[in-house]
C-alpha atoms as a PDB file:
ATOM      1  CA  MET A   1      51.219 -19.625 -12.690  1.00  0.00           C
ATOM      2  CA  LYS A   2      49.127 -16.206 -12.293  1.00  0.00           C
ATOM      3  CA  LYS A   3      46.897 -16.984 -15.102  1.00  0.00           C
ATOM      4  CA  ILE A   4      45.879 -20.323 -13.668  1.00  0.00           C
ATOM      5  CA  LEU A   5      45.270 -18.678 -10.080  1.00  0.00           C
ATOM      6  CA  PHE A   6      43.574 -15.711 -11.447  1.00  0.00           C
ATOM      7  CA  LEU A   7      40.871 -17.625 -13.075  1.00  0.00           C
ATOM      8  CA  PRO A   8      39.535 -19.401 -10.079  1.00  0.00           C
ATOM      9  CA  VAL A   9      39.813 -16.251  -8.237  1.00  0.00           C
ATOM     10  CA  MET A  10      37.649 -14.575 -10.863  1.00  0.00           C
ATOM     11  CA  ALA A  11      35.209 -17.147 -10.979  1.00  0.00           C
ATOM     12  CA  LEU A  12      34.692 -17.202  -7.261  1.00  0.00           C
ATOM     13  CA  PHE A  13      34.249 -13.305  -7.665  1.00  0.00           C
ATOM     14  CA  LEU A  14      31.585 -13.419 -10.737  1.00  0.00           C
ATOM     15  CA  LEU A  15      29.640 -16.181  -8.454  1.00  0.00           C
ATOM     16  CA  PHE A  16      29.679 -13.947  -5.324  1.00  0.00           C
ATOM     17  CA  THR A  17      28.513 -10.719  -7.046  1.00  0.00           C
ATOM     18  CA  SER A  18      25.774 -12.282  -9.461  1.00  0.00           C
ATOM     19  CA  CYS A  19      24.241 -14.389  -6.516  1.00  0.00           C
ATOM     20  CA  THR A  20      23.648 -10.865  -4.277  1.00  0.00           C
ATOM     21  CA  GLN A  21      21.429  -7.709  -4.699  1.00  0.00           C
ATOM     22  CA  GLU A  22      23.432  -4.510  -4.896  1.00  0.00           C
ATOM     23  CA  PRO A  23      22.204  -2.411  -1.739  1.00  0.00           C
ATOM     24  CA  SER A  24      23.038   0.751  -3.205  1.00  0.00           C
ATOM     25  CA  LYS A  25      20.326   0.159  -5.584  1.00  0.00           C
ATOM     26  CA  ILE A  26      17.541   0.591  -3.290  1.00  0.00           C
ATOM     27  CA  ILE A  27      18.825   3.988  -1.730  1.00  0.00           C
ATOM     28  CA  GLY A  28      16.670   6.909  -2.523  1.00  0.00           C
ATOM     29  CA  SER A  29      12.690   7.526  -3.206  1.00  0.00           C
ATOM     30  CA  TRP A  30       9.839   5.432  -4.617  1.00  0.00           C
ATOM     31  CA  LYS A  31       6.412   5.221  -5.581  1.00  0.00           C
ATOM     32  CA  LEU A  32       4.104   2.614  -5.993  1.00  0.00           C
ATOM     33  CA  GLU A  33       3.101   1.752  -9.458  1.00  0.00           C
ATOM     34  CA  LYS A  34       0.597  -0.841  -8.495  1.00  0.00           C
ATOM     35  CA  MET A  35       0.264  -4.081  -6.105  1.00  0.00           C
ATOM     36  CA  ASN A  36      -1.507  -7.467  -6.776  1.00  0.00           C
ATOM     37  CA  LEU A  37      -3.065  -8.627  -3.980  1.00  0.00           C
ATOM     38  CA  ASP A  38      -4.575 -12.189  -3.832  1.00  0.00           C
ATOM     39  CA  GLY A  39      -4.909 -11.983  -7.597  1.00  0.00           C
ATOM     40  CA  ALA A  40      -6.562  -7.909  -7.895  1.00  0.00           C
ATOM     41  CA  GLU A  41      -4.719  -5.476  -8.978  1.00  0.00           C
ATOM     42  CA  VAL A  42      -4.693  -2.649  -6.277  1.00  0.00           C
ATOM     43  CA  PHE A  43      -3.654   1.158  -7.765  1.00  0.00           C
ATOM     44  CA  PRO A  44      -1.516   3.809  -5.708  1.00  0.00           C
ATOM     45  CA  ASN A  45      -4.712   6.164  -5.065  1.00  0.00           C
ATOM     46  CA  VAL A  46      -6.503   3.788  -3.297  1.00  0.00           C
ATOM     47  CA  LEU A  47      -3.672   3.411  -0.722  1.00  0.00           C
ATOM     48  CA  GLY A  48      -2.949   6.943  -0.341  1.00  0.00           C
ATOM     49  CA  ASN A  49      -0.259   7.392  -2.891  1.00  0.00           C
ATOM     50  CA  PRO A  50       2.795   5.899  -0.637  1.00  0.00           C
ATOM     51  CA  THR A  51       6.217   6.656  -1.230  1.00  0.00           C
ATOM     52  CA  TYR A  52       8.886   4.585   0.134  1.00  0.00           C
ATOM     53  CA  LEU A  53      12.542   6.082   1.005  1.00  0.00           C
ATOM     54  CA  PHE A  54      15.563   3.770   1.776  1.00  0.00           C
ATOM     55  CA  PHE A  55      18.611   5.743   3.295  1.00  0.00           C
ATOM     56  CA  ASP A  56      22.193   4.835   2.620  1.00  0.00           C
ATOM     57  CA  ASP A  57      22.768   4.426   6.795  1.00  0.00           C
ATOM     58  CA  ASN A  58      19.659   1.652   6.597  1.00  0.00           C
ATOM     59  CA  ARG A  59      16.796   3.798   7.558  1.00  0.00           C
ATOM     60  CA  TYR A  60      13.520   3.286   6.096  1.00  0.00           C
ATOM     61  CA  GLU A  61      10.108   5.698   5.828  1.00  0.00           C
ATOM     62  CA  GLN A  62       7.000   4.971   4.243  1.00  0.00           C
ATOM     63  CA  ARG A  63       4.612   7.778   3.869  1.00  0.00           C
ATOM     64  CA  ALA A  64       1.081   7.936   2.618  1.00  0.00           C
ATOM     65  CA  SER A  65      -1.857  10.133   3.132  1.00  0.00           C
ATOM     66  CA  GLY A  66       0.213  12.847   5.447  1.00  0.00           C
ATOM     67  CA  GLN A  67       1.277   9.963   7.754  1.00  0.00           C
ATOM     68  CA  PHE A  68       4.681   7.782   7.727  1.00  0.00           C
ATOM     69  CA  GLU A  69       6.102   4.393   9.100  1.00  0.00           C
ATOM     70  CA  GLN A  70       9.846   4.379  10.518  1.00  0.00           C
ATOM     71  CA  GLY A  71      12.401   1.528  10.801  1.00  0.00           C
ATOM     72  CA  THR A  72      15.608   0.236   9.358  1.00  0.00           C
ATOM     73  CA  TYR A  73      16.264  -2.147   6.555  1.00  0.00           C
ATOM     74  CA  LYS A  74      18.771  -4.858   5.556  1.00  0.00           C
ATOM     75  CA  ILE A  75      18.966  -6.594   2.257  1.00  0.00           C
ATOM     76  CA  ASP A  76      20.655 -10.098   2.350  1.00  0.00           C
ATOM     77  CA  ASP A  77      21.011 -11.847  -0.943  1.00  0.00           C
ATOM     78  CA  LYS A  78      17.405 -11.875  -2.254  1.00  0.00           C
ATOM     79  CA  LYS A  79      15.689 -10.679   1.048  1.00  0.00           C
ATOM     80  CA  LEU A  80      14.608  -7.279   2.293  1.00  0.00           C
ATOM     81  CA  THR A  81      14.030  -7.065   6.066  1.00  0.00           C
ATOM     82  CA  ILE A  82      12.093  -4.047   7.354  1.00  0.00           C
ATOM     83  CA  ARG A  83      12.037  -3.482  11.068  1.00  0.00           C
ATOM     84  CA  PHE A  84       9.207  -0.653  11.937  1.00  0.00           C
ATOM     85  CA  ASN A  85      10.187   1.336  15.245  1.00  0.00           C
ATOM     86  CA  ASP A  86       6.452   2.051  16.437  1.00  0.00           C
ATOM     87  CA  LEU A  87       5.057  -1.218  15.375  1.00  0.00           C
ATOM     88  CA  ASP A  88       7.745  -3.453  17.044  1.00  0.00           C
ATOM     89  CA  LYS A  89       7.099  -5.562  13.717  1.00  0.00           C
ATOM     90  CA  VAL A  90       9.857  -7.542  11.158  1.00  0.00           C
ATOM     91  CA  THR A  91       8.409  -7.802   7.588  1.00  0.00           C
ATOM     92  CA  VAL A  92      10.504 -10.046   5.217  1.00  0.00           C
ATOM     93  CA  MET A  93      10.069  -9.707   1.677  1.00  0.00           C
ATOM     94  CA  GLN A  94      11.497 -11.631  -1.331  1.00  0.00           C
ATOM     95  CA  ILE A  95      13.122  -9.285  -4.131  1.00  0.00           C
ATOM     96  CA  VAL A  96      12.217 -10.399  -7.491  1.00  0.00           C
ATOM     97  CA  GLU A  97      13.938  -7.283  -9.484  1.00  0.00           C
ATOM     98  CA  LEU A  98      15.950  -4.552  -8.158  1.00  0.00           C
ATOM     99  CA  THR A  99      16.891  -2.069 -10.749  1.00  0.00           C
ATOM    100  CA  GLU A 100      17.954   1.540 -11.050  1.00  0.00           C
ATOM    101  CA  ASN A 101      14.465   2.544 -11.980  1.00  0.00           C
ATOM    102  CA  LYS A 102      12.457  -0.454 -11.240  1.00  0.00           C
ATOM    103  CA  PHE A 103      11.990  -2.532  -7.506  1.00  0.00           C
ATOM    104  CA  VAL A 104       9.528  -5.543  -7.613  1.00  0.00           C
ATOM    105  CA  TYR A 105       9.055  -7.744  -4.165  1.00  0.00           C
ATOM    106  CA  LYS A 106       6.763 -10.338  -3.152  1.00  0.00           C
ATOM    107  CA  ILE A 107       5.338 -10.366   0.575  1.00  0.00           C
ATOM    108  CA  GLY A 108       3.297 -12.829   2.368  1.00  0.00           C
ATOM    109  CA  GLU A 109       3.123 -16.530   3.247  1.00  0.00           C
ATOM    110  CA  GLU A 110      -0.513 -17.661   2.414  1.00  0.00           C
ATOM    111  CA  SER A 111      -1.451 -15.257   0.237  1.00  0.00           C
ATOM    112  CA  ILE A 112       1.319 -13.665  -1.776  1.00  0.00           C
ATOM    113  CA  SER A 113       1.497 -10.383  -2.711  1.00  0.00           C
ATOM    114  CA  THR A 114       3.900  -8.563  -5.384  1.00  0.00           C
ATOM    115  CA  VAL A 115       4.600  -4.907  -5.038  1.00  0.00           C
ATOM    116  CA  TYR A 116       5.923  -2.708  -7.885  1.00  0.00           C
ATOM    117  CA  LEU A 117       7.796   0.299  -7.286  1.00  0.00           C
ATOM    118  CA  VAL A 118       9.443   2.936  -9.422  1.00  0.00           C
ATOM    119  CA  ARG A 119      11.303   6.270  -9.327  1.00  0.00           C
END
């Protein structure tokens, strides 16, 4: 009887964990590798070599060319939502890939940009 009950519970657990992103993978510092913007490839030096920092208390910072933006972030399934403090702006991104060393996301509705970040 215990084995019969164990299998459905384990199946639900595996289904749940496979459909969500592991938020802890995003924590740390990321550097822009490249960005595809409306089909054109843009490299980090053009954008001031931005760095993206995700903290374990859901704070977010973006630094480029001596300037920075701060905010908070939330991961919900395959969506990353960033709320910028100074801009009173919320941006939602679709997570394409998130591993320990690679983070790829898409942003935009009409013209989709793909952003590639690395550790």
